[in-house]
Amino acid sequence: MTSRQKVFDFMQEAGTLFIATEDGKKPKVRPIGFKMMVDEQIYFVTGKNKDFSAQMLRNSNVEIACCVGHEFLRYYGRVEFDEDVDKTLYKEALKVMPQLEELMNEETGEAQIFHISKATAEFHKMMKLDQTYNFLD
């Protein structure tokens, strides 16, 4: 199992992830449920017209946190929006969550698929850092 697969599996087991962005000079944390792994990359989705997307455009530094029992994961780096011109990633996203087709509408905008580049994943057990992985892509 690759280290990125280990990160994704932990995220899957956790279910809901919490992602922190910056809204002006204030932090903004929101739950996100959608995640998928394609070609050893972890992807997330939002609507292009959402404040969430605008915040990440202004400041691409984000951090995701999730926990399973007494263990938790911090996954942070810089957001990269994926062009997905041929809709390959979007089609994969629909396989994972068919409801996206209904959720991504005129109000929320079309789907904005992104991943976290130059990411660091930190696995913590209780109050102690257990493992760290750095992804340079």
Protein backbone atom coordinates (compact mmCIF):
# COMPACT_ATOMS: atom_id res chain seq x y z
CA MET A 1 0.00 0.00 0.00
CA THR A 2 1.33 3.43 -0.91
CA SER A 3 1.51 6.24 1.64
CA ARG A 4 -1.11 8.22 -0.32
CA GLN A 5 -3.42 5.18 -0.30
CA LYS A 6 -2.93 4.99 3.47
CA VAL A 7 -3.98 8.68 3.75
CA PHE A 8 -7.02 8.13 1.53
CA ASP A 9 -8.09 4.99 3.41
CA PHE A 10 -7.94 6.90 6.70
CA MET A 11 -10.05 9.70 5.17
CA GLN A 12 -12.56 7.12 3.95
CA GLU A 13 -12.79 5.53 7.37
CA ALA A 14 -13.24 8.95 9.01
CA GLY A 15 -16.10 9.82 6.66
CA THR A 16 -16.45 13.55 7.15
CA LEU A 17 -13.38 15.72 6.73
CA PHE A 18 -13.01 19.30 7.97
CA ILE A 19 -11.19 21.75 5.75
CA ALA A 20 -9.88 25.14 6.88
CA THR A 21 -9.63 28.11 4.54
CA GLU A 22 -9.23 31.83 5.09
CA ASP A 23 -12.19 34.18 4.73
CA GLY A 24 -10.66 37.65 4.78
CA LYS A 25 -8.63 37.59 7.96
CA LYS A 26 -10.74 34.93 9.65
CA PRO A 27 -10.39 31.16 9.48
CA LYS A 28 -13.33 29.29 7.99
CA VAL A 29 -13.78 25.57 8.65
CA ARG A 30 -16.36 23.45 6.89
CA PRO A 31 -17.16 19.76 6.62
CA ILE A 32 -16.63 18.00 3.31
CA GLY A 33 -17.71 14.50 2.53
CA PHE A 34 -16.61 13.96 -1.05
CA LYS A 35 -13.19 12.53 -1.76
CA MET A 36 -11.89 10.19 -4.40
CA MET A 37 -8.57 8.76 -5.43
CA VAL A 38 -7.62 8.60 -9.10
CA ASP A 39 -4.13 7.72 -10.35
CA GLU A 40 -2.58 8.08 -6.89
CA GLN A 41 -4.03 11.56 -6.34
CA ILE A 42 -6.74 12.49 -3.82
CA TYR A 43 -9.44 14.78 -5.21
CA PHE A 44 -12.20 16.87 -3.68
CA VAL A 45 -15.15 18.76 -5.23
CA THR A 46 -16.99 22.01 -4.63
CA GLY A 47 -19.19 24.28 -6.73
CA LYS A 48 -17.37 27.02 -8.68
CA ASN A 49 -19.78 29.71 -7.41
CA LYS A 50 -19.43 28.86 -3.72
CA ASP A 51 -17.59 31.06 -1.20
CA PHE A 52 -15.42 28.03 -0.48
CA SER A 53 -14.05 28.08 -4.03
CA ALA A 54 -13.46 31.85 -3.92
CA GLN A 55 -11.59 31.56 -0.61
CA MET A 56 -9.27 28.93 -2.07
CA LEU A 57 -8.66 31.10 -5.13
CA ARG A 58 -7.59 34.02 -2.90
CA ASN A 59 -5.42 31.89 -0.62
CA SER A 60 -4.63 28.38 -1.77
CA ASN A 61 -3.22 27.23 1.59
CA VAL A 62 -5.64 24.81 3.24
CA GLU A 63 -5.62 22.17 5.92
CA ILE A 64 -7.87 19.14 6.26
CA ALA A 65 -8.40 17.33 9.54
CA CYS A 66 -10.29 14.15 10.36
CA CYS A 67 -10.25 11.55 13.08
CA VAL A 68 -10.95 7.90 13.67
CA GLY A 69 -11.22 7.06 17.36
CA HIS A 70 -8.23 8.59 19.14
CA GLU A 71 -6.18 8.95 15.96
CA PHE A 72 -6.34 11.95 13.68
CA LEU A 73 -4.91 13.12 10.39
CA ARG A 74 -3.80 16.55 9.28
CA TYR A 75 -3.42 16.91 5.51
CA TYR A 76 -2.27 20.30 4.29
CA GLY A 77 -0.72 22.10 1.35
CA ARG A 78 -1.83 24.26 -1.55
CA VAL A 79 -5.03 23.81 -3.52
CA GLU A 80 -4.67 23.15 -7.21
CA PHE A 81 -7.81 23.40 -9.30
CA ASP A 82 -7.88 20.75 -11.99
CA GLU A 83 -8.83 21.93 -15.48
CA ASP A 84 -10.54 18.61 -16.34
CA VAL A 85 -11.34 19.85 -19.87
CA ASP A 86 -12.43 16.41 -21.08
CA LYS A 87 -14.47 15.83 -17.85
CA THR A 88 -12.55 12.65 -17.03
CA LEU A 89 -12.31 13.49 -13.33
CA TYR A 90 -15.93 14.67 -13.21
CA LYS A 91 -17.07 11.34 -14.69
CA GLU A 92 -15.07 9.52 -12.02
CA ALA A 93 -16.63 11.77 -9.38
CA LEU A 94 -20.11 10.86 -10.60
CA LYS A 95 -19.26 7.17 -10.16
CA VAL A 96 -18.37 7.89 -6.53
CA MET A 97 -21.33 10.22 -5.89
CA PRO A 98 -24.01 10.31 -8.61
CA GLN A 99 -25.91 13.04 -6.69
CA LEU A 100 -23.22 15.54 -7.74
CA GLU A 101 -25.09 15.97 -10.99
CA GLU A 102 -28.05 17.36 -9.02
CA LEU A 103 -25.96 19.30 -6.51
CA MET A 104 -23.86 21.14 -9.09
CA ASN A 105 -26.42 23.48 -10.60
CA GLU A 106 -26.88 27.10 -11.69
CA GLU A 107 -26.80 28.31 -8.07
CA THR A 108 -23.66 26.45 -6.98
CA GLY A 109 -22.01 26.47 -10.39
CA GLU A 110 -20.44 23.59 -12.14
CA ALA A 111 -18.22 21.19 -10.26
CA GLN A 112 -14.79 22.48 -9.28
CA ILE A 113 -12.44 19.55 -8.80
CA PHE A 114 -9.28 20.16 -6.83
CA HIS A 115 -6.44 18.40 -5.09
CA ILE A 116 -3.82 19.50 -2.60
CA SER A 117 -0.36 19.82 -4.07
CA LYS A 118 2.89 19.72 -2.15
CA ALA A 119 0.85 18.10 0.59
CA THR A 120 1.97 16.92 3.97
CA ALA A 121 0.06 14.23 5.84
CA GLU A 122 0.57 13.90 9.58
CA PHE A 123 -0.87 10.94 11.44
CA HIS A 124 -1.30 11.55 15.17
CA LYS A 125 -2.03 9.06 17.92
CA MET A 126 -3.52 10.77 20.94
CA MET A 127 -1.17 13.71 21.56
CA LYS A 128 1.83 12.34 19.66
CA LEU A 129 2.87 12.70 16.02
CA ASP A 130 3.14 9.14 14.73
CA GLN A 131 4.00 9.37 11.00
CA THR A 132 4.56 12.11 8.43
CA TYR A 133 4.42 11.80 4.64
CA ASN A 134 5.37 14.54 2.18
CA PHE A 135 3.96 14.48 -1.34
CA LEU A 136 5.89 16.71 -3.73
CA ASP A 137 3.36 16.62 -6.59
